[in-house]
Amino acid sequence: MIHSHLYTRMTETPVYAAPAEDAMTMHILRLGVWVGELAREAEWIRIIGVDCDGWVRAEDLEERPPFQLHAYWTAGKPIEYINAADVEK
């Protein structure tokens, strides 16, 4: 179950297979990507996103108002979840 919605706050946010810096990097998320929080373990958060799931350092994520989350779809492309504040900049 998703406990919270968070966004990546780094230009590149690594998603790890386990909650450790030396774990295998499964995916790299770009700035402002929405993820769902599944669990917390010390300074790590288990996340699920559109493209991946795994562990991310808590300091690489941030909370934003939930009403700014929007689904964005272009024909022939996968659905993206974006933050309205990022589009307004």
PDB file of N, CA and C in Angstrom:
ATOM      1  N   MET A   1       0.833  -1.168   0.000  1.00  0.00           N
ATOM      2  CA  MET A   1       0.000   0.000   0.000  1.00  0.00           C
ATOM      3  C   MET A   1       0.888   1.245   0.000  1.00  0.00           C
ATOM      4  N   ILE A   2       0.512   2.231  -0.785  1.00  0.00           N
ATOM      5  CA  ILE A   2       1.247   3.496  -0.826  1.00  0.00           C
ATOM      6  C   ILE A   2       0.836   4.331   0.381  1.00  0.00           C
ATOM      7  N   HIS A   3       1.824   4.721   1.187  1.00  0.00           N
ATOM      8  CA  HIS A   3       1.569   5.498   2.396  1.00  0.00           C
ATOM      9  C   HIS A   3       1.631   6.996   2.156  1.00  0.00           C
ATOM     10  N   SER A   4       2.381   7.405   1.143  1.00  0.00           N
ATOM     11  CA  SER A   4       2.587   8.827   0.882  1.00  0.00           C
ATOM     12  C   SER A   4       3.062   8.996  -0.556  1.00  0.00           C
ATOM     13  N   HIS A   5       2.862  10.189  -1.097  1.00  0.00           N
ATOM     14  CA  HIS A   5       3.381  10.529  -2.421  1.00  0.00           C
ATOM     15  C   HIS A   5       4.547  11.486  -2.239  1.00  0.00           C
ATOM     16  N   LEU A   6       5.647  11.192  -2.902  1.00  0.00           N
ATOM     17  CA  LEU A   6       6.854  12.001  -2.798  1.00  0.00           C
ATOM     18  C   LEU A   6       7.374  12.305  -4.194  1.00  0.00           C
ATOM     19  N   TYR A   7       8.308  13.241  -4.273  1.00  0.00           N
ATOM     20  CA  TYR A   7       8.922  13.634  -5.544  1.00  0.00           C
ATOM     21  C   TYR A   7      10.429  13.609  -5.398  1.00  0.00           C
ATOM     22  N   THR A   8      11.117  13.273  -6.481  1.00  0.00           N
ATOM     23  CA  THR A   8      12.575  13.315  -6.467  1.00  0.00           C
ATOM     24  C   THR A   8      13.021  14.774  -6.471  1.00  0.00           C
ATOM     25  N   ARG A   9      14.067  15.059  -5.713  1.00  0.00           N
ATOM     26  CA  ARG A   9      14.533  16.442  -5.616  1.00  0.00           C
ATOM     27  C   ARG A   9      15.938  16.634  -6.180  1.00  0.00           C
ATOM     28  N   MET A  10      16.483  15.585  -6.772  1.00  0.00           N
ATOM     29  CA  MET A  10      17.818  15.642  -7.352  1.00  0.00           C
ATOM     30  C   MET A  10      17.715  15.520  -8.877  1.00  0.00           C
ATOM     31  N   THR A  11      18.713  16.038  -9.591  1.00  0.00           N
ATOM     32  CA  THR A  11      18.745  15.905 -11.046  1.00  0.00           C
ATOM     33  C   THR A  11      18.737  14.435 -11.441  1.00  0.00           C
ATOM     34  N   GLU A  12      19.494  13.625 -10.717  1.00  0.00           N
ATOM     35  CA  GLU A  12      19.506  12.176 -10.914  1.00  0.00           C
ATOM     36  C   GLU A  12      19.387  11.504  -9.554  1.00  0.00           C
ATOM     37  N   THR A  13      18.345  10.700  -9.383  1.00  0.00           N
ATOM     38  CA  THR A  13      18.111   9.993  -8.128  1.00  0.00           C
ATOM     39  C   THR A  13      18.226   8.493  -8.377  1.00  0.00           C
ATOM     40  N   PRO A  14      19.263   7.851  -7.818  1.00  0.00           N
ATOM     41  CA  PRO A  14      19.403   6.410  -8.006  1.00  0.00           C
ATOM     42  C   PRO A  14      18.358   5.634  -7.202  1.00  0.00           C
ATOM     43  N   VAL A  15      17.846   4.572  -7.800  1.00  0.00           N
ATOM     44  CA  VAL A  15      16.942   3.639  -7.127  1.00  0.00           C
ATOM     45  C   VAL A  15      17.732   2.345  -6.953  1.00  0.00           C
ATOM     46  N   TYR A  16      17.898   1.926  -5.699  1.00  0.00           N
ATOM     47  CA  TYR A  16      18.726   0.770  -5.374  1.00  0.00           C
ATOM     48  C   TYR A  16      17.884  -0.481  -5.130  1.00  0.00           C
ATOM     49  N   ALA A  17      18.505  -1.643  -5.303  1.00  0.00           N
ATOM     50  CA  ALA A  17      17.838  -2.926  -5.072  1.00  0.00           C
ATOM     51  C   ALA A  17      17.617  -3.194  -3.586  1.00  0.00           C
ATOM     52  N   ALA A  18      18.449  -2.591  -2.739  1.00  0.00           N
ATOM     53  CA  ALA A  18      18.370  -2.772  -1.289  1.00  0.00           C
ATOM     54  C   ALA A  18      18.710  -1.441  -0.621  1.00  0.00           C
ATOM     55  N   PRO A  19      18.360  -1.279   0.652  1.00  0.00           N
ATOM     56  CA  PRO A  19      18.642  -0.011   1.333  1.00  0.00           C
ATOM     57  C   PRO A  19      20.101   0.124   1.763  1.00  0.00           C
ATOM     58  N   ALA A  20      20.990   0.270   0.790  1.00  0.00           N
ATOM     59  CA  ALA A  20      22.422   0.425   1.051  1.00  0.00           C
ATOM     60  C   ALA A  20      23.085   1.086  -0.150  1.00  0.00           C
ATOM     61  N   GLU A  21      24.063   1.964   0.124  1.00  0.00           N
ATOM     62  CA  GLU A  21      24.776   2.676  -0.946  1.00  0.00           C
ATOM     63  C   GLU A  21      25.495   1.728  -1.903  1.00  0.00           C
ATOM     64  N   ASP A  22      25.944   0.569  -1.394  1.00  0.00           N
ATOM     65  CA  ASP A  22      26.687  -0.361  -2.245  1.00  0.00           C
ATOM     66  C   ASP A  22      25.781  -1.389  -2.934  1.00  0.00           C
ATOM     67  N   ALA A  23      24.472  -1.243  -2.789  1.00  0.00           N
ATOM     68  CA  ALA A  23      23.530  -2.133  -3.477  1.00  0.00           C
ATOM     69  C   ALA A  23      23.491  -1.794  -4.968  1.00  0.00           C
ATOM     70  N   MET A  24      23.008  -2.721  -5.754  1.00  0.00           N
ATOM     71  CA  MET A  24      22.919  -2.516  -7.201  1.00  0.00           C
ATOM     72  C   MET A  24      21.934  -1.389  -7.521  1.00  0.00           C
ATOM     73  N   THR A  25      22.346  -0.481  -8.421  1.00  0.00           N
ATOM     74  CA  THR A  25      21.458   0.580  -8.895  1.00  0.00           C
ATOM     75  C   THR A  25      20.532  -0.024  -9.941  1.00  0.00           C
ATOM     76  N   MET A  26      19.227   0.080  -9.686  1.00  0.00           N
ATOM     77  CA  MET A  26      18.224  -0.507 -10.574  1.00  0.00           C
ATOM     78  C   MET A  26      17.758   0.465 -11.653  1.00  0.00           C
ATOM     79  N   HIS A  27      17.754   1.762 -11.300  1.00  0.00           N
ATOM     80  CA  HIS A  27      17.170   2.767 -12.194  1.00  0.00           C
ATOM     81  C   HIS A  27      17.654   4.142 -11.735  1.00  0.00           C
ATOM     82  N   ILE A  28      17.615   5.112 -12.617  1.00  0.00           N
ATOM     83  CA  ILE A  28      17.906   6.509 -12.280  1.00  0.00           C
ATOM     84  C   ILE A  28      16.653   7.323 -12.602  1.00  0.00           C
ATOM     85  N   LEU A  29      16.147   8.051 -11.611  1.00  0.00           N
ATOM     86  CA  LEU A  29      14.975   8.912 -11.808  1.00  0.00           C
ATOM     87  C   LEU A  29      15.430  10.349 -12.006  1.00  0.00           C
ATOM     88  N   ARG A  30      14.726  11.087 -12.836  1.00  0.00           N
ATOM     89  CA  ARG A  30      15.063  12.495 -13.078  1.00  0.00           C
ATOM     90  C   ARG A  30      14.376  13.389 -12.034  1.00  0.00           C
ATOM     91  N   LEU A  31      14.695  14.637 -12.052  1.00  0.00           N
ATOM     92  CA  LEU A  31      14.155  15.624 -11.116  1.00  0.00           C
ATOM     93  C   LEU A  31      12.640  15.735 -11.235  1.00  0.00           C
ATOM     94  N   GLY A  32      11.956  15.775 -10.087  1.00  0.00           N
ATOM     95  CA  GLY A  32      10.518  16.013 -10.060  1.00  0.00           C
ATOM     96  C   GLY A  32       9.639  14.824 -10.374  1.00  0.00           C
ATOM     97  N   VAL A  33      10.192  13.615 -10.362  1.00  0.00           N
ATOM     98  CA  VAL A  33       9.400  12.419 -10.663  1.00  0.00           C
ATOM     99  C   VAL A  33       8.601  12.007  -9.427  1.00  0.00           C
ATOM    100  N   TRP A  34       7.317  11.700  -9.644  1.00  0.00           N
ATOM    101  CA  TRP A  34       6.450  11.241  -8.564  1.00  0.00           C
ATOM    102  C   TRP A  34       6.746   9.790  -8.247  1.00  0.00           C
ATOM    103  N   VAL A  35       6.795   9.464  -6.943  1.00  0.00           N
ATOM    104  CA  VAL A  35       6.920   8.078  -6.487  1.00  0.00           C
ATOM    105  C   VAL A  35       5.991   7.872  -5.296  1.00  0.00           C
ATOM    106  N   GLY A  36       5.586   6.645  -5.100  1.00  0.00           N
ATOM    107  CA  GLY A  36       4.774   6.292  -3.944  1.00  0.00           C
ATOM    108  C   GLY A  36       5.658   5.661  -2.882  1.00  0.00           C
ATOM    109  N   GLU A  37       5.452   6.060  -1.627  1.00  0.00           N
ATOM    110  CA  GLU A  37       6.222   5.505  -0.512  1.00  0.00           C
ATOM    111  C   GLU A  37       5.556   4.224  -0.018  1.00  0.00           C
ATOM    112  N   LEU A  38       6.324   3.130  -0.012  1.00  0.00           N
ATOM    113  CA  LEU A  38       5.813   1.846   0.466  1.00  0.00           C
ATOM    114  C   LEU A  38       6.254   1.543   1.889  1.00  0.00           C
ATOM    115  N   ALA A  39       7.485   1.935   2.245  1.00  0.00           N
ATOM    116  CA  ALA A  39       8.022   1.653   3.578  1.00  0.00           C
ATOM    117  C   ALA A  39       9.222   2.553   3.844  1.00  0.00           C
ATOM    118  N   ARG A  40       9.563   2.678   5.140  1.00  0.00           N
ATOM    119  CA  ARG A  40      10.765   3.420   5.553  1.00  0.00           C
ATOM    120  C   ARG A  40      11.630   2.515   6.405  1.00  0.00           C
ATOM    121  N   GLU A  41      12.934   2.667   6.227  1.00  0.00           N
ATOM    122  CA  GLU A  41      13.902   1.921   7.022  1.00  0.00           C
ATOM    123  C   GLU A  41      15.101   2.834   7.245  1.00  0.00           C
ATOM    124  N   ALA A  42      15.202   3.380   8.447  1.00  0.00           N
ATOM    125  CA  ALA A  42      16.240   4.362   8.790  1.00  0.00           C
ATOM    126  C   ALA A  42      16.178   5.529   7.804  1.00  0.00           C
ATOM    127  N   GLU A  43      17.271   5.800   7.074  1.00  0.00           N
ATOM    128  CA  GLU A  43      17.279   6.939   6.141  1.00  0.00           C
ATOM    129  C   GLU A  43      16.897   6.529   4.718  1.00  0.00           C
ATOM    130  N   TRP A  44      16.271   5.372   4.555  1.00  0.00           N
ATOM    131  CA  TRP A  44      15.880   4.852   3.247  1.00  0.00           C
ATOM    132  C   TRP A  44      14.367   4.746   3.121  1.00  0.00           C
ATOM    133  N   ILE A  45      13.874   4.932   1.898  1.00  0.00           N
ATOM    134  CA  ILE A  45      12.443   4.800   1.614  1.00  0.00           C
ATOM    135  C   ILE A  45      12.275   3.820   0.456  1.00  0.00           C
ATOM    136  N   ARG A  46      11.421   2.820   0.658  1.00  0.00           N
ATOM    137  CA  ARG A  46      11.078   1.890  -0.440  1.00  0.00           C
ATOM    138  C   ARG A  46       9.988   2.557  -1.253  1.00  0.00           C
ATOM    139  N   ILE A  47      10.230   2.694  -2.551  1.00  0.00           N
ATOM    140  CA  ILE A  47       9.311   3.421  -3.431  1.00  0.00           C
ATOM    141  C   ILE A  47       8.804   2.540  -4.564  1.00  0.00           C
ATOM    142  N   ILE A  48       7.706   2.999  -5.149  1.00  0.00           N
ATOM    143  CA  ILE A  48       7.208   2.424  -6.394  1.00  0.00           C
ATOM    144  C   ILE A  48       6.885   3.594  -7.305  1.00  0.00           C
ATOM    145  N   GLY A  49       7.264   3.462  -8.551  1.00  0.00           N
ATOM    146  CA  GLY A  49       6.988   4.504  -9.534  1.00  0.00           C
ATOM    147  C   GLY A  49       6.446   3.894 -10.810  1.00  0.00           C
ATOM    148  N   VAL A  50       6.279   4.697 -11.807  1.00  0.00           N
ATOM    149  CA  VAL A  50       5.769   4.220 -13.088  1.00  0.00           C
ATOM    150  C   VAL A  50       6.772   3.266 -13.738  1.00  0.00           C
ATOM    151  N   ASP A  51       8.066   3.576 -13.639  1.00  0.00           N
ATOM    152  CA  ASP A  51       9.101   2.806 -14.330  1.00  0.00           C
ATOM    153  C   ASP A  51       9.855   1.806 -13.463  1.00  0.00           C
ATOM    154  N   CYS A  52       9.725   1.894 -12.135  1.00  0.00           N
ATOM    155  CA  CYS A  52      10.565   1.057 -11.288  1.00  0.00           C
ATOM    156  C   CYS A  52      10.048   1.004  -9.858  1.00  0.00           C
ATOM    157  N   ASP A  53      10.686   0.147  -9.068  1.00  0.00           N
ATOM    158  CA  ASP A  53      10.493   0.155  -7.624  1.00  0.00           C
ATOM    159  C   ASP A  53      11.819  -0.228  -6.994  1.00  0.00           C
ATOM    160  N   GLY A  54      12.020   0.179  -5.757  1.00  0.00           N
ATOM    161  CA  GLY A  54      13.267  -0.096  -5.069  1.00  0.00           C
ATOM    162  C   GLY A  54      13.450   0.856  -3.904  1.00  0.00           C
ATOM    163  N   TRP A  55      14.694   1.084  -3.533  1.00  0.00           N
ATOM    164  CA  TRP A  55      15.032   1.906  -2.370  1.00  0.00           C
ATOM    165  C   TRP A  55      15.728   3.198  -2.797  1.00  0.00           C
ATOM    166  N   VAL A  56      15.339   4.296  -2.162  1.00  0.00           N
ATOM    167  CA  VAL A  56      15.911   5.620  -2.433  1.00  0.00           C
ATOM    168  C   VAL A  56      16.272   6.252  -1.095  1.00  0.00           C
ATOM    169  N   ARG A  57      17.360   7.009  -1.072  1.00  0.00           N
ATOM    170  CA  ARG A  57      17.719   7.737   0.155  1.00  0.00           C
ATOM    171  C   ARG A  57      16.633   8.776   0.445  1.00  0.00           C
ATOM    172  N   ALA A  58      16.199   8.853   1.686  1.00  0.00           N
ATOM    173  CA  ALA A  58      15.129   9.778   2.082  1.00  0.00           C
ATOM    174  C   ALA A  58      15.484  11.219   1.745  1.00  0.00           C
ATOM    175  N   GLU A  59      16.751  11.591   1.860  1.00  0.00           N
ATOM    176  CA  GLU A  59      17.165  12.971   1.591  1.00  0.00           C
ATOM    177  C   GLU A  59      17.034  13.347   0.112  1.00  0.00           C
ATOM    178  N   ASP A  60      16.871  12.364  -0.766  1.00  0.00           N
ATOM    179  CA  ASP A  60      16.719  12.634  -2.202  1.00  0.00           C
ATOM    180  C   ASP A  60      15.260  12.827  -2.616  1.00  0.00           C
ATOM    181  N   LEU A  61      14.342  12.751  -1.641  1.00  0.00           N
ATOM    182  CA  LEU A  61      12.912  12.897  -1.922  1.00  0.00           C
ATOM    183  C   LEU A  61      12.333  14.049  -1.118  1.00  0.00           C
ATOM    184  N   GLU A  62      11.202  14.587  -1.591  1.00  0.00           N
ATOM    185  CA  GLU A  62      10.524  15.659  -0.863  1.00  0.00           C
ATOM    186  C   GLU A  62       9.017  15.512  -1.000  1.00  0.00           C
ATOM    187  N   GLU A  63       8.308  16.055  -0.013  1.00  0.00           N
ATOM    188  CA  GLU A  63       6.851  16.085  -0.064  1.00  0.00           C
ATOM    189  C   GLU A  63       6.410  17.353  -0.773  1.00  0.00           C
ATOM    190  N   ARG A  64       5.308  17.269  -1.475  1.00  0.00           N
ATOM    191  CA  ARG A  64       4.691  18.435  -2.110  1.00  0.00           C
ATOM    192  C   ARG A  64       3.188  18.316  -1.924  1.00  0.00           C
ATOM    193  N   PRO A  65       2.463  19.423  -2.066  1.00  0.00           N
ATOM    194  CA  PRO A  65       1.008  19.352  -1.914  1.00  0.00           C
ATOM    195  C   PRO A  65       0.410  18.321  -2.879  1.00  0.00           C
ATOM    196  N   PRO A  66      -0.481  17.444  -2.391  1.00  0.00           N
ATOM    197  CA  PRO A  66      -1.014  16.372  -3.234  1.00  0.00           C
ATOM    198  C   PRO A  66      -1.847  16.852  -4.416  1.00  0.00           C
ATOM    199  N   PHE A  67      -2.425  18.023  -4.345  1.00  0.00           N
ATOM    200  CA  PHE A  67      -3.286  18.487  -5.425  1.00  0.00           C
ATOM    201  C   PHE A  67      -2.503  19.004  -6.630  1.00  0.00           C
ATOM    202  N   GLN A  68      -1.176  19.009  -6.540  1.00  0.00           N
ATOM    203  CA  GLN A  68      -0.351  19.418  -7.668  1.00  0.00           C
ATOM    204  C   GLN A  68       0.052  18.237  -8.548  1.00  0.00           C
ATOM    205  N   LEU A  69      -0.334  17.019  -8.157  1.00  0.00           N
ATOM    206  CA  LEU A  69       0.005  15.830  -8.937  1.00  0.00           C
ATOM    207  C   LEU A  69      -0.964  15.681 -10.103  1.00  0.00           C
ATOM    208  N   HIS A  70      -0.422  15.564 -11.299  1.00  0.00           N
ATOM    209  CA  HIS A  70      -1.247  15.413 -12.497  1.00  0.00           C
ATOM    210  C   HIS A  70      -0.707  14.273 -13.359  1.00  0.00           C
ATOM    211  N   ALA A  71      -1.605  13.578 -14.018  1.00  0.00           N
ATOM    212  CA  ALA A  71      -1.209  12.573 -15.007  1.00  0.00           C
ATOM    213  C   ALA A  71      -1.088  13.280 -16.352  1.00  0.00           C
ATOM    214  N   TYR A  72      -0.024  12.999 -17.080  1.00  0.00           N
ATOM    215  CA  TYR A  72       0.221  13.621 -18.377  1.00  0.00           C
ATOM    216  C   TYR A  72       0.387  12.499 -19.396  1.00  0.00           C
ATOM    217  N   TRP A  73      -0.372  12.565 -20.478  1.00  0.00           N
ATOM    218  CA  TRP A  73      -0.314  11.513 -21.481  1.00  0.00           C
ATOM    219  C   TRP A  73      -0.236  12.110 -22.869  1.00  0.00           C
ATOM    220  N   THR A  74       0.669  11.571 -23.674  1.00  0.00           N
ATOM    221  CA  THR A  74       0.804  11.915 -25.081  1.00  0.00           C
ATOM    222  C   THR A  74       0.630  10.620 -25.864  1.00  0.00           C
ATOM    223  N   ALA A  75      -0.144  10.669 -26.935  1.00  0.00           N
ATOM    224  CA  ALA A  75      -0.397   9.468 -27.734  1.00  0.00           C
ATOM    225  C   ALA A  75       0.906   8.777 -28.117  1.00  0.00           C
ATOM    226  N   GLY A  76       0.951   7.482 -27.924  1.00  0.00           N
ATOM    227  CA  GLY A  76       2.126   6.700 -28.273  1.00  0.00           C
ATOM    228  C   GLY A  76       3.212   6.680 -27.216  1.00  0.00           C
ATOM    229  N   LYS A  77       3.002   7.382 -26.101  1.00  0.00           N
ATOM    230  CA  LYS A  77       4.000   7.430 -25.032  1.00  0.00           C
ATOM    231  C   LYS A  77       3.361   6.956 -23.729  1.00  0.00           C
ATOM    232  N   PRO A  78       4.179   6.496 -22.772  1.00  0.00           N
ATOM    233  CA  PRO A  78       3.609   6.066 -21.487  1.00  0.00           C
ATOM    234  C   PRO A  78       3.108   7.260 -20.674  1.00  0.00           C
ATOM    235  N   ILE A  79       2.198   6.993 -19.766  1.00  0.00           N
ATOM    236  CA  ILE A  79       1.681   8.039 -18.873  1.00  0.00           C
ATOM    237  C   ILE A  79       2.817   8.533 -17.985  1.00  0.00           C
ATOM    238  N   GLU A  80       2.873   9.855 -17.774  1.00  0.00           N
ATOM    239  CA  GLU A  80       3.831  10.460 -16.852  1.00  0.00           C
ATOM    240  C   GLU A  80       3.047  11.110 -15.728  1.00  0.00           C
ATOM    241  N   TYR A  81       3.597  11.078 -14.531  1.00  0.00           N
ATOM    242  CA  TYR A  81       3.003  11.799 -13.409  1.00  0.00           C
ATOM    243  C   TYR A  81       3.891  12.998 -13.153  1.00  0.00           C
ATOM    244  N   ILE A  82       3.316  14.188 -13.234  1.00  0.00           N
ATOM    245  CA  ILE A  82       4.095  15.418 -13.126  1.00  0.00           C
ATOM    246  C   ILE A  82       3.526  16.302 -12.033  1.00  0.00           C
ATOM    247  N   ASN A  83       4.336  17.247 -11.587  1.00  0.00           N
ATOM    248  CA  ASN A  83       3.917  18.212 -10.591  1.00  0.00           C
ATOM    249  C   ASN A  83       3.608  19.516 -11.289  1.00  0.00           C
ATOM    250  N   ALA A  84       2.443  20.070 -11.017  1.00  0.00           N
ATOM    251  CA  ALA A  84       2.015  21.309 -11.668  1.00  0.00           C
ATOM    252  C   ALA A  84       3.016  22.436 -11.438  1.00  0.00           C
ATOM    253  N   ALA A  85       3.646  22.484 -10.281  1.00  0.00           N
ATOM    254  CA  ALA A  85       4.611  23.541  -9.979  1.00  0.00           C
ATOM    255  C   ALA A  85       5.803  23.483 -10.930  1.00  0.00           C
ATOM    256  N   ASP A  86       6.205  22.291 -11.355  1.00  0.00           N
ATOM    257  CA  ASP A  86       7.332  22.156 -12.283  1.00  0.00           C
ATOM    258  C   ASP A  86       6.973  22.664 -13.670  1.00  0.00           C
ATOM    259  N   VAL A  87       5.726  22.527 -14.071  1.00  0.00           N
ATOM    260  CA  VAL A  87       5.268  22.966 -15.391  1.00  0.00           C
ATOM    261  C   VAL A  87       5.156  24.478 -15.439  1.00  0.00           C
ATOM    262  N   GLU A  88       4.787  25.102 -14.318  1.00  0.00           N
ATOM    263  CA  GLU A  88       4.571  26.548 -14.260  1.00  0.00           C
ATOM    264  C   GLU A  88       5.860  27.340 -14.305  1.00  0.00           C
ATOM    265  N   LYS A  89       7.008  26.712 -14.040  1.00  0.00           N
ATOM    266  CA  LYS A  89       8.293  27.431 -13.993  1.00  0.00           C
ATOM    267  C   LYS A  89       8.714  27.888 -15.356  1.00  0.00           C
TER     268      LYS A  89
END
